[in-house]
PDB file of all heavy atoms in Angstrom:
ATOM      1  N   LEU A   1       0.800  -1.227   0.005  1.00  0.00           N
ATOM      2  CA  LEU A   1       0.013  -0.019   0.004  1.00  0.00           C
ATOM      3  C   LEU A   1       0.904   1.209   0.016  1.00  0.00           C
ATOM      4  O   LEU A   1       0.608   2.226  -0.795  1.00  0.00           O
ATOM      5  CB  LEU A   1      -0.932   0.009   1.176  1.00  0.00           C
ATOM      6  CG  LEU A   1      -1.884   1.209   1.285  1.00  0.00           C
ATOM      7  CD1 LEU A   1      -2.820   1.192   0.019  1.00  0.00           C
ATOM      8  CD2 LEU A   1      -2.796   1.057   2.566  1.00  0.00           C
ATOM      9  N   GLY A   2       1.850   1.325   0.816  1.00  0.00           N
ATOM     10  CA  GLY A   2       2.664   2.518   0.911  1.00  0.00           C
ATOM     11  C   GLY A   2       3.431   2.726  -0.385  1.00  0.00           C
ATOM     12  O   GLY A   2       3.534   3.938  -0.874  1.00  0.00           O
ATOM     13  N   GLU A   3       3.953   1.686  -0.993  1.00  0.00           N
ATOM     14  CA  GLU A   3       4.592   1.930  -2.277  1.00  0.00           C
ATOM     15  C   GLU A   3       3.740   2.391  -3.428  1.00  0.00           C
ATOM     16  O   GLU A   3       4.044   3.307  -4.222  1.00  0.00           O
ATOM     17  CB  GLU A   3       5.200   0.531  -2.697  1.00  0.00           C
ATOM     18  CG  GLU A   3       6.395   0.095  -1.890  1.00  0.00           C
ATOM     19  CD  GLU A   3       7.669   0.882  -2.036  1.00  0.00           C
ATOM     20  OE1 GLU A   3       7.786   1.576  -3.125  1.00  0.00           O
ATOM     21  OE2 GLU A   3       8.495   0.955  -1.203  1.00  0.00           O
ATOM     22  N   VAL A   4       2.480   1.908  -3.392  1.00  0.00           N
ATOM     23  CA  VAL A   4       1.491   2.231  -4.387  1.00  0.00           C
ATOM     24  C   VAL A   4       1.053   3.673  -4.279  1.00  0.00           C
ATOM     25  O   VAL A   4       1.034   4.581  -5.183  1.00  0.00           O
ATOM     26  CB  VAL A   4       0.243   1.378  -4.430  1.00  0.00           C
ATOM     27  CG1 VAL A   4      -0.869   1.902  -5.212  1.00  0.00           C
ATOM     28  CG2 VAL A   4       0.653   0.027  -4.888  1.00  0.00           C
ATOM     29  N   LEU A   5       0.831   4.097  -2.959  1.00  0.00           N
ATOM     30  CA  LEU A   5       0.425   5.481  -2.712  1.00  0.00           C
ATOM     31  C   LEU A   5       1.679   6.467  -3.048  1.00  0.00           C
ATOM     32  O   LEU A   5       1.414   7.520  -3.621  1.00  0.00           O
ATOM     33  CB  LEU A   5       0.193   5.746  -1.201  1.00  0.00           C
ATOM     34  CG  LEU A   5      -1.149   4.939  -0.790  1.00  0.00           C
ATOM     35  CD1 LEU A   5      -1.485   5.153   0.631  1.00  0.00           C
ATOM     36  CD2 LEU A   5      -2.438   5.453  -1.632  1.00  0.00           C
ATOM     37  N   ALA A   6       2.842   6.106  -2.677  1.00  0.00           N
ATOM     38  CA  ALA A   6       3.985   6.981  -2.942  1.00  0.00           C
ATOM     39  C   ALA A   6       4.130   7.077  -4.479  1.00  0.00           C
ATOM     40  O   ALA A   6       4.485   8.272  -4.952  1.00  0.00           O
ATOM     41  CB  ALA A   6       5.255   6.409  -2.349  1.00  0.00           C
ATOM     42  N   THR A   7       4.009   6.072  -5.210  1.00  0.00           N
ATOM     43  CA  THR A   7       4.182   6.078  -6.674  1.00  0.00           C
ATOM     44  C   THR A   7       3.006   6.914  -7.270  1.00  0.00           C
ATOM     45  O   THR A   7       3.320   7.633  -8.268  1.00  0.00           O
ATOM     46  CB  THR A   7       4.118   4.695  -7.268  1.00  0.00           C
ATOM     47  OG1 THR A   7       5.086   3.898  -6.608  1.00  0.00           O
ATOM     48  CG2 THR A   7       4.329   4.682  -8.768  1.00  0.00           C
ATOM     49  N   ALA A   8       1.818   6.862  -6.760  1.00  0.00           N
ATOM     50  CA  ALA A   8       0.692   7.595  -7.195  1.00  0.00           C
ATOM     51  C   ALA A   8       1.030   9.128  -7.012  1.00  0.00           C
ATOM     52  O   ALA A   8       0.725  10.001  -7.974  1.00  0.00           O
ATOM     53  CB  ALA A   8      -0.514   7.264  -6.549  1.00  0.00           C
ATOM     54  N   VAL A   9       1.587   9.497  -5.942  1.00  0.00           N
ATOM     55  CA  VAL A   9       1.931  10.941  -5.675  1.00  0.00           C
ATOM     56  C   VAL A   9       2.997  11.443  -6.593  1.00  0.00           C
ATOM     57  O   VAL A   9       2.977  12.499  -7.220  1.00  0.00           O
ATOM     58  CB  VAL A   9       2.341  11.146  -4.196  1.00  0.00           C
ATOM     59  CG1 VAL A   9       2.877  12.517  -3.967  1.00  0.00           C
ATOM     60  CG2 VAL A   9       1.116  10.813  -3.227  1.00  0.00           C
ATOM     61  N   LEU A  10       3.961  10.611  -6.804  1.00  0.00           N
ATOM     62  CA  LEU A  10       5.060  10.995  -7.694  1.00  0.00           C
ATOM     63  C   LEU A  10       4.566  10.996  -9.171  1.00  0.00           C
ATOM     64  O   LEU A  10       5.199  11.828  -9.876  1.00  0.00           O
ATOM     65  CB  LEU A  10       6.240   9.931  -7.570  1.00  0.00           C
ATOM     66  CG  LEU A  10       6.978   9.962  -6.190  1.00  0.00           C
ATOM     67  CD1 LEU A  10       8.017   8.845  -6.149  1.00  0.00           C
ATOM     68  CD2 LEU A  10       7.593  11.313  -5.888  1.00  0.00           C
ATOM     69  N   ALA A  11       3.690  10.230  -9.484  1.00  0.00           N
ATOM     70  CA  ALA A  11       3.223  10.139 -10.765  1.00  0.00           C
ATOM     71  C   ALA A  11       2.251  11.270 -11.152  1.00  0.00           C
ATOM     72  O   ALA A  11       2.192  11.783 -12.299  1.00  0.00           O
ATOM     73  CB  ALA A  11       2.540   8.745 -11.217  1.00  0.00           C
ATOM     74  N   PHE A  12       1.538  11.676 -10.119  1.00  0.00           N
ATOM     75  CA  PHE A  12       0.549  12.743 -10.366  1.00  0.00           C
ATOM     76  C   PHE A  12       0.694  13.813  -9.251  1.00  0.00           C
ATOM     77  O   PHE A  12      -0.019  14.052  -8.430  1.00  0.00           O
ATOM     78  CB  PHE A  12      -0.898  12.173 -10.191  1.00  0.00           C
ATOM     79  CG  PHE A  12      -1.235  11.246 -11.313  1.00  0.00           C
ATOM     80  CD1 PHE A  12      -0.963   9.847 -11.156  1.00  0.00           C
ATOM     81  CD2 PHE A  12      -1.764  11.668 -12.569  1.00  0.00           C
ATOM     82  CE1 PHE A  12      -1.293   8.945 -12.112  1.00  0.00           C
ATOM     83  CE2 PHE A  12      -2.043  10.713 -13.520  1.00  0.00           C
ATOM     84  CZ  PHE A  12      -1.808   9.347 -13.307  1.00  0.00           C
ATOM     85  N   PRO A  13       1.871  14.522  -9.357  1.00  0.00           N
ATOM     86  CA  PRO A  13       2.259  15.510  -8.315  1.00  0.00           C
ATOM     87  C   PRO A  13       1.269  16.704  -8.232  1.00  0.00           C
ATOM     88  O   PRO A  13       0.962  17.212  -7.185  1.00  0.00           O
ATOM     89  CB  PRO A  13       3.672  15.961  -8.589  1.00  0.00           C
ATOM     90  CG  PRO A  13       3.748  15.678 -10.092  1.00  0.00           C
ATOM     91  CD  PRO A  13       2.947  14.576 -10.355  1.00  0.00           C
ATOM     92  N   LEU A  14       0.813  17.127  -9.393  1.00  0.00           N
ATOM     93  CA  LEU A  14      -0.080  18.320  -9.452  1.00  0.00           C
ATOM     94  C   LEU A  14      -1.381  17.988  -8.761  1.00  0.00           C
ATOM     95  O   LEU A  14      -1.932  18.773  -7.990  1.00  0.00           O
ATOM     96  CB  LEU A  14      -0.345  18.729 -10.947  1.00  0.00           C
ATOM     97  CG  LEU A  14      -1.279  19.936 -11.043  1.00  0.00           C
ATOM     98  CD1 LEU A  14      -0.658  21.166 -10.378  1.00  0.00           C
ATOM     99  CD2 LEU A  14      -1.501  20.253 -12.548  1.00  0.00           C
ATOM    100  N   ALA A  15      -1.987  16.789  -8.989  1.00  0.00           N
ATOM    101  CA  ALA A  15      -3.157  16.417  -8.365  1.00  0.00           C
ATOM    102  C   ALA A  15      -2.947  16.256  -6.832  1.00  0.00           C
ATOM    103  O   ALA A  15      -3.833  16.839  -5.996  1.00  0.00           O
ATOM    104  CB  ALA A  15      -3.633  15.028  -8.908  1.00  0.00           C
ATOM    105  N   ALA A  16      -1.820  15.809  -6.370  1.00  0.00           N
ATOM    106  CA  ALA A  16      -1.564  15.721  -4.970  1.00  0.00           C
ATOM    107  C   ALA A  16      -1.407  17.085  -4.382  1.00  0.00           C
ATOM    108  O   ALA A  16      -1.868  17.386  -3.235  1.00  0.00           O
ATOM    109  CB  ALA A  16      -0.266  14.900  -4.777  1.00  0.00           C
ATOM    110  N   LEU A  17      -0.823  17.965  -5.098  1.00  0.00           N
ATOM    111  CA  LEU A  17      -0.678  19.355  -4.614  1.00  0.00           C
ATOM    112  C   LEU A  17      -2.032  20.100  -4.464  1.00  0.00           C
ATOM    113  O   LEU A  17      -2.335  20.740  -3.443  1.00  0.00           O
ATOM    114  CB  LEU A  17       0.205  20.200  -5.572  1.00  0.00           C
ATOM    115  CG  LEU A  17       0.390  21.686  -5.127  1.00  0.00           C
ATOM    116  CD1 LEU A  17       1.041  21.808  -3.817  1.00  0.00           C
ATOM    117  CD2 LEU A  17       1.278  22.437  -6.203  1.00  0.00           C
ATOM    118  N   ILE A  18      -2.879  19.955  -5.475  1.00  0.00           N
ATOM    119  CA  ILE A  18      -4.265  20.496  -5.440  1.00  0.00           C
ATOM    120  C   ILE A  18      -5.005  19.941  -4.241  1.00  0.00           C
ATOM    121  O   ILE A  18      -5.705  20.607  -3.537  1.00  0.00           O
ATOM    122  CB  ILE A  18      -4.999  20.222  -6.742  1.00  0.00           C
ATOM    123  CG1 ILE A  18      -4.223  21.054  -7.864  1.00  0.00           C
ATOM    124  CG2 ILE A  18      -6.436  20.693  -6.612  1.00  0.00           C
ATOM    125  CD1 ILE A  18      -4.894  20.820  -9.245  1.00  0.00           C
ATOM    126  N   GLY A  19      -4.916  18.581  -4.134  1.00  0.00           N
ATOM    127  CA  GLY A  19      -5.576  17.968  -2.938  1.00  0.00           C
ATOM    128  C   GLY A  19      -5.127  18.372  -1.572  1.00  0.00           C
ATOM    129  O   GLY A  19      -5.825  18.444  -0.581  1.00  0.00           O
ATOM    130  N   ALA A  20      -3.814  18.834  -1.527  1.00  0.00           N
ATOM    131  CA  ALA A  20      -3.170  19.262  -0.333  1.00  0.00           C
ATOM    132  C   ALA A  20      -3.619  20.661   0.038  1.00  0.00           C
ATOM    133  O   ALA A  20      -3.309  21.079   1.237  1.00  0.00           O
ATOM    134  CB  ALA A  20      -1.696  19.081  -0.297  1.00  0.00           C
ATOM    135  N   LEU A  21      -4.091  21.353  -0.867  1.00  0.00           N
ATOM    136  CA  LEU A  21      -4.349  22.875  -0.567  1.00  0.00           C
ATOM    137  C   LEU A  21      -5.131  23.186   0.629  1.00  0.00           C
ATOM    138  O   LEU A  21      -4.860  23.970   1.422  1.00  0.00           O
ATOM    139  CB  LEU A  21      -4.848  23.524  -1.825  1.00  0.00           C
ATOM    140  CG  LEU A  21      -3.967  23.710  -3.079  1.00  0.00           C
ATOM    141  CD1 LEU A  21      -4.595  24.251  -4.279  1.00  0.00           C
ATOM    142  CD2 LEU A  21      -2.733  24.596  -2.665  1.00  0.00           C
ATOM    143  N   PRO A  22      -6.343  22.421   0.804  1.00  0.00           N
ATOM    144  CA  PRO A  22      -7.113  22.726   1.938  1.00  0.00           C
ATOM    145  C   PRO A  22      -6.311  22.513   3.341  1.00  0.00           C
ATOM    146  O   PRO A  22      -6.380  23.232   4.242  1.00  0.00           O
ATOM    147  CB  PRO A  22      -8.247  21.725   1.935  1.00  0.00           C
ATOM    148  CG  PRO A  22      -8.469  21.454   0.448  1.00  0.00           C
ATOM    149  CD  PRO A  22      -6.994  21.509  -0.069  1.00  0.00           C
ATOM    150  N   GLY A  23      -5.465  21.443   3.343  1.00  0.00           N
ATOM    151  CA  GLY A  23      -4.648  21.201   4.505  1.00  0.00           C
ATOM    152  C   GLY A  23      -3.580  22.272   4.716  1.00  0.00           C
ATOM    153  O   GLY A  23      -3.303  22.721   5.782  1.00  0.00           O
ATOM    154  N   LEU A  24      -2.980  22.729   3.617  1.00  0.00           N
ATOM    155  CA  LEU A  24      -2.037  23.752   3.663  1.00  0.00           C
ATOM    156  C   LEU A  24      -2.656  25.099   4.097  1.00  0.00           C
ATOM    157  O   LEU A  24      -2.111  25.830   5.029  1.00  0.00           O
ATOM    158  CB  LEU A  24      -1.371  24.013   2.308  1.00  0.00           C
ATOM    159  CG  LEU A  24      -0.448  22.956   1.807  1.00  0.00           C
ATOM    160  CD1 LEU A  24      -0.020  23.231   0.334  1.00  0.00           C
ATOM    161  CD2 LEU A  24       0.852  22.935   2.733  1.00  0.00           C
ATOM    162  N   TRP A  25      -3.912  25.383   3.680  1.00  0.00           N
ATOM    163  CA  TRP A  25      -4.585  26.592   4.099  1.00  0.00           C
ATOM    164  C   TRP A  25      -4.952  26.532   5.560  1.00  0.00           C
ATOM    165  O   TRP A  25      -4.719  27.489   6.314  1.00  0.00           O
ATOM    166  CB  TRP A  25      -5.836  26.766   3.226  1.00  0.00           C
ATOM    167  CG  TRP A  25      -6.634  27.959   3.691  1.00  0.00           C
ATOM    168  CD1 TRP A  25      -6.574  29.252   3.238  1.00  0.00           C
ATOM    169  CD2 TRP A  25      -7.750  27.960   4.639  1.00  0.00           C
ATOM    170  NE1 TRP A  25      -7.329  30.072   3.914  1.00  0.00           N
ATOM    171  CE2 TRP A  25      -8.235  29.354   4.698  1.00  0.00           C
ATOM    172  CE3 TRP A  25      -8.367  26.991   5.410  1.00  0.00           C
ATOM    173  CZ2 TRP A  25      -9.266  29.658   5.505  1.00  0.00           C
ATOM    174  CZ3 TRP A  25      -9.439  27.304   6.268  1.00  0.00           C
ATOM    175  CH2 TRP A  25      -9.883  28.637   6.308  1.00  0.00           C
ATOM    176  N   PHE A  26      -5.323  25.343   6.036  1.00  0.00           N
ATOM    177  CA  PHE A  26      -5.730  25.228   7.441  1.00  0.00           C
ATOM    178  C   PHE A  26      -4.449  25.401   8.262  1.00  0.00           C
ATOM    179  O   PHE A  26      -4.509  26.125   9.272  1.00  0.00           O
ATOM    180  CB  PHE A  26      -6.272  23.778   7.698  1.00  0.00           C
ATOM    181  CG  PHE A  26      -6.668  23.492   9.053  1.00  0.00           C
ATOM    182  CD1 PHE A  26      -7.913  23.786   9.559  1.00  0.00           C
ATOM    183  CD2 PHE A  26      -5.759  22.992  10.014  1.00  0.00           C
ATOM    184  CE1 PHE A  26      -8.288  23.640  10.862  1.00  0.00           C
ATOM    185  CE2 PHE A  26      -6.151  22.664  11.286  1.00  0.00           C
ATOM    186  CZ  PHE A  26      -7.364  22.955  11.773  1.00  0.00           C
ATOM    187  N   ILE A  27      -3.365  24.879   7.903  1.00  0.00           N
ATOM    188  CA  ILE A  27      -2.048  24.949   8.728  1.00  0.00           C
ATOM    189  C   ILE A  27      -1.559  26.369   8.700  1.00  0.00           C
ATOM    190  O   ILE A  27      -1.136  26.918   9.745  1.00  0.00           O
ATOM    191  CB  ILE A  27      -0.992  23.970   8.131  1.00  0.00           C
ATOM    192  CG1 ILE A  27      -1.452  22.538   8.452  1.00  0.00           C
ATOM    193  CG2 ILE A  27       0.330  24.299   8.812  1.00  0.00           C
ATOM    194  CD1 ILE A  27      -0.517  21.437   7.828  1.00  0.00           C
ATOM    195  N   ALA A  28      -1.604  26.955   7.491  1.00  0.00           N
ATOM    196  CA  ALA A  28      -1.121  28.344   7.384  1.00  0.00           C
ATOM    197  C   ALA A  28      -2.001  29.308   8.184  1.00  0.00           C
ATOM    198  O   ALA A  28      -1.399  30.166   8.876  1.00  0.00           O
ATOM    199  CB  ALA A  28      -1.183  28.801   5.897  1.00  0.00           C
ATOM    200  N   THR A  29      -3.312  29.146   8.178  1.00  0.00           N
ATOM    201  CA  THR A  29      -4.146  29.962   8.995  1.00  0.00           C
ATOM    202  C   THR A  29      -3.858  29.735  10.468  1.00  0.00           C
ATOM    203  O   THR A  29      -3.862  30.763  11.220  1.00  0.00           O
ATOM    204  CB  THR A  29      -5.584  29.626   8.609  1.00  0.00           C
ATOM    205  OG1 THR A  29      -5.884  29.826   7.279  1.00  0.00           O
ATOM    206  CG2 THR A  29      -6.558  30.554   9.494  1.00  0.00           C
ATOM    207  N   LEU A  30      -3.737  28.576  10.938  1.00  0.00           N
ATOM    208  CA  LEU A  30      -3.403  28.268  12.260  1.00  0.00           C
ATOM    209  C   LEU A  30      -2.175  28.970  12.689  1.00  0.00           C
ATOM    210  O   LEU A  30      -2.143  29.660  13.765  1.00  0.00           O
ATOM    211  CB  LEU A  30      -3.322  26.745  12.552  1.00  0.00           C
ATOM    212  CG  LEU A  30      -2.990  26.308  13.918  1.00  0.00           C
ATOM    213  CD1 LEU A  30      -4.020  26.652  14.943  1.00  0.00           C
ATOM    214  CD2 LEU A  30      -2.676  24.802  13.855  1.00  0.00           C
ATOM    215  N   VAL A  31      -1.119  28.809  11.989  1.00  0.00           N
ATOM    216  CA  VAL A  31       0.217  29.372  12.372  1.00  0.00           C
ATOM    217  C   VAL A  31       0.167  30.866  12.407  1.00  0.00           C
ATOM    218  O   VAL A  31       0.680  31.569  13.273  1.00  0.00           O
ATOM    219  CB  VAL A  31       1.287  28.916  11.306  1.00  0.00           C
ATOM    220  CG1 VAL A  31       2.593  29.654  11.594  1.00  0.00           C
ATOM    221  CG2 VAL A  31       1.508  27.376  11.500  1.00  0.00           C
ATOM    222  N   TYR A  32      -0.659  31.507  11.323  1.00  0.00           N
ATOM    223  CA  TYR A  32      -0.702  32.935  11.335  1.00  0.00           C
ATOM    224  C   TYR A  32      -1.492  33.430  12.434  1.00  0.00           C
ATOM    225  O   TYR A  32      -1.029  34.446  13.079  1.00  0.00           O
ATOM    226  CB  TYR A  32      -1.307  33.309   9.930  1.00  0.00           C
ATOM    227  CG  TYR A  32      -1.592  34.873   9.851  1.00  0.00           C
ATOM    228  CD1 TYR A  32      -0.473  35.646   9.465  1.00  0.00           C
ATOM    229  CD2 TYR A  32      -2.817  35.426  10.122  1.00  0.00           C
ATOM    230  CE1 TYR A  32      -0.661  36.985   9.364  1.00  0.00           C
ATOM    231  CE2 TYR A  32      -2.965  36.763   9.924  1.00  0.00           C
ATOM    232  CZ  TYR A  32      -1.906  37.577   9.648  1.00  0.00           C
ATOM    233  OH  TYR A  32      -2.133  38.933   9.557  1.00  0.00           O
ATOM    234  N   THR A  33      -2.477  32.871  12.740  1.00  0.00           N
ATOM    235  CA  THR A  33      -3.410  33.310  13.862  1.00  0.00           C
ATOM    236  C   THR A  33      -2.665  33.263  15.170  1.00  0.00           C
ATOM    237  O   THR A  33      -2.594  34.225  15.911  1.00  0.00           O
ATOM    238  CB  THR A  33      -4.649  32.476  13.988  1.00  0.00           C
ATOM    239  OG1 THR A  33      -5.339  32.520  12.746  1.00  0.00           O
ATOM    240  CG2 THR A  33      -5.563  32.979  15.138  1.00  0.00           C
ATOM    241  N   GLN A  34      -1.974  32.197  15.472  1.00  0.00           N
ATOM    242  CA  GLN A  34      -1.204  32.047  16.709  1.00  0.00           C
ATOM    243  C   GLN A  34      -0.030  32.999  16.776  1.00  0.00           C
ATOM    244  O   GLN A  34       0.436  33.467  17.792  1.00  0.00           O
ATOM    245  CB  GLN A  34      -0.748  30.620  16.895  1.00  0.00           C
ATOM    246  CG  GLN A  34      -1.970  29.595  16.977  1.00  0.00           C
ATOM    247  CD  GLN A  34      -2.969  30.000  18.048  1.00  0.00           C
ATOM    248  OE1 GLN A  34      -4.102  30.283  17.758  1.00  0.00           O
ATOM    249  NE2 GLN A  34      -2.486  30.210  19.289  1.00  0.00           N
ATOM    250  N   ALA A  35       0.530  33.293  15.531  1.00  0.00           N
ATOM    251  CA  ALA A  35       1.680  34.242  15.558  1.00  0.00           C
ATOM    252  C   ALA A  35       1.226  35.636  15.898  1.00  0.00           C
ATOM    253  O   ALA A  35       1.920  36.414  16.509  1.00  0.00           O
ATOM    254  CB  ALA A  35       2.311  34.193  14.217  1.00  0.00           C
ATOM    255  N   MET A  36      -0.030  35.921  15.471  1.00  0.00           N
ATOM    256  CA  MET A  36      -0.596  37.315  15.679  1.00  0.00           C
ATOM    257  C   MET A  36      -0.853  37.466  17.175  1.00  0.00           C
ATOM    258  O   MET A  36      -0.603  38.565  17.730  1.00  0.00           O
ATOM    259  CB  MET A  36      -1.851  37.517  14.926  1.00  0.00           C
ATOM    260  CG  MET A  36      -1.576  37.655  13.416  1.00  0.00           C
ATOM    261  SD  MET A  36      -0.605  39.005  12.892  1.00  0.00           S
ATOM    262  CE  MET A  36      -1.705  40.384  13.388  1.00  0.00           C
ATOM    263  N   ILE A  37      -1.274  36.462  17.826  1.00  0.00           N
ATOM    264  CA  ILE A  37      -1.576  36.634  19.314  1.00  0.00           C
ATOM    265  C   ILE A  37      -0.404  36.141  20.185  1.00  0.00           C
ATOM    266  O   ILE A  37      -0.442  36.291  21.356  1.00  0.00           O
ATOM    267  CB  ILE A  37      -2.855  35.770  19.705  1.00  0.00           C
ATOM    268  CG1 ILE A  37      -2.575  34.303  19.478  1.00  0.00           C
ATOM    269  CG2 ILE A  37      -4.048  36.266  18.897  1.00  0.00           C
ATOM    270  CD1 ILE A  37      -3.740  33.420  19.986  1.00  0.00           C
ATOM    271  N   ARG A  38       0.620  35.697  19.513  1.00  0.00           N
ATOM    272  CA  ARG A  38       1.863  35.385  20.192  1.00  0.00           C
ATOM    273  C   ARG A  38       1.684  34.474  21.337  1.00  0.00           C
ATOM    274  O   ARG A  38       2.111  34.603  22.473  1.00  0.00           O
ATOM    275  CB  ARG A  38       2.528  36.663  20.686  1.00  0.00           C
ATOM    276  CG  ARG A  38       3.004  37.575  19.561  1.00  0.00           C
ATOM    277  CD  ARG A  38       3.764  38.794  20.160  1.00  0.00           C
ATOM    278  NE  ARG A  38       4.124  39.711  19.155  1.00  0.00           N
ATOM    279  CZ  ARG A  38       4.853  40.717  19.268  1.00  0.00           C
ATOM    280  NH1 ARG A  38       5.291  41.100  20.538  1.00  0.00           N
ATOM    281  NH2 ARG A  38       5.202  41.455  18.261  1.00  0.00           N
ATOM    282  N   ALA A  39       0.869  33.381  20.980  1.00  0.00           N
ATOM    283  CA  ALA A  39       0.617  32.364  21.921  1.00  0.00           C
ATOM    284  C   ALA A  39       0.471  31.006  21.154  1.00  0.00           C
ATOM    285  O   ALA A  39      -0.035  30.967  20.068  1.00  0.00           O
ATOM    286  CB  ALA A  39      -0.668  32.618  22.805  1.00  0.00           C
ATOM    287  N   TRP A  40       0.807  29.905  21.902  1.00  0.00           N
ATOM    288  CA  TRP A  40       0.691  28.540  21.247  1.00  0.00           C
ATOM    289  C   TRP A  40       0.214  27.561  22.345  1.00  0.00           C
ATOM    290  O   TRP A  40       1.057  26.782  22.848  1.00  0.00           O
ATOM    291  CB  TRP A  40       2.018  28.186  20.665  1.00  0.00           C
ATOM    292  CG  TRP A  40       1.880  27.020  19.731  1.00  0.00           C
ATOM    293  CD1 TRP A  40       2.073  25.701  19.990  1.00  0.00           C
ATOM    294  CD2 TRP A  40       1.593  27.081  18.309  1.00  0.00           C
ATOM    295  NE1 TRP A  40       1.774  24.882  18.960  1.00  0.00           N
ATOM    296  CE2 TRP A  40       1.494  25.725  17.866  1.00  0.00           C
ATOM    297  CE3 TRP A  40       1.337  28.118  17.410  1.00  0.00           C
ATOM    298  CZ2 TRP A  40       1.290  25.345  16.563  1.00  0.00           C
ATOM    299  CZ3 TRP A  40       1.043  27.737  16.123  1.00  0.00           C
ATOM    300  CH2 TRP A  40       1.004  26.345  15.702  1.00  0.00           C
TER     301      TRP A  40
END
């Protein structure tokens, strides 16, 4: 399973990047918000 998933990501990197955008947005928002209030 791990080999197949890794190969799928390497074969279709653009699709993986588009799929990762919501997660990236969530993480970026979290980091930015906590940086503004200077608390974690």
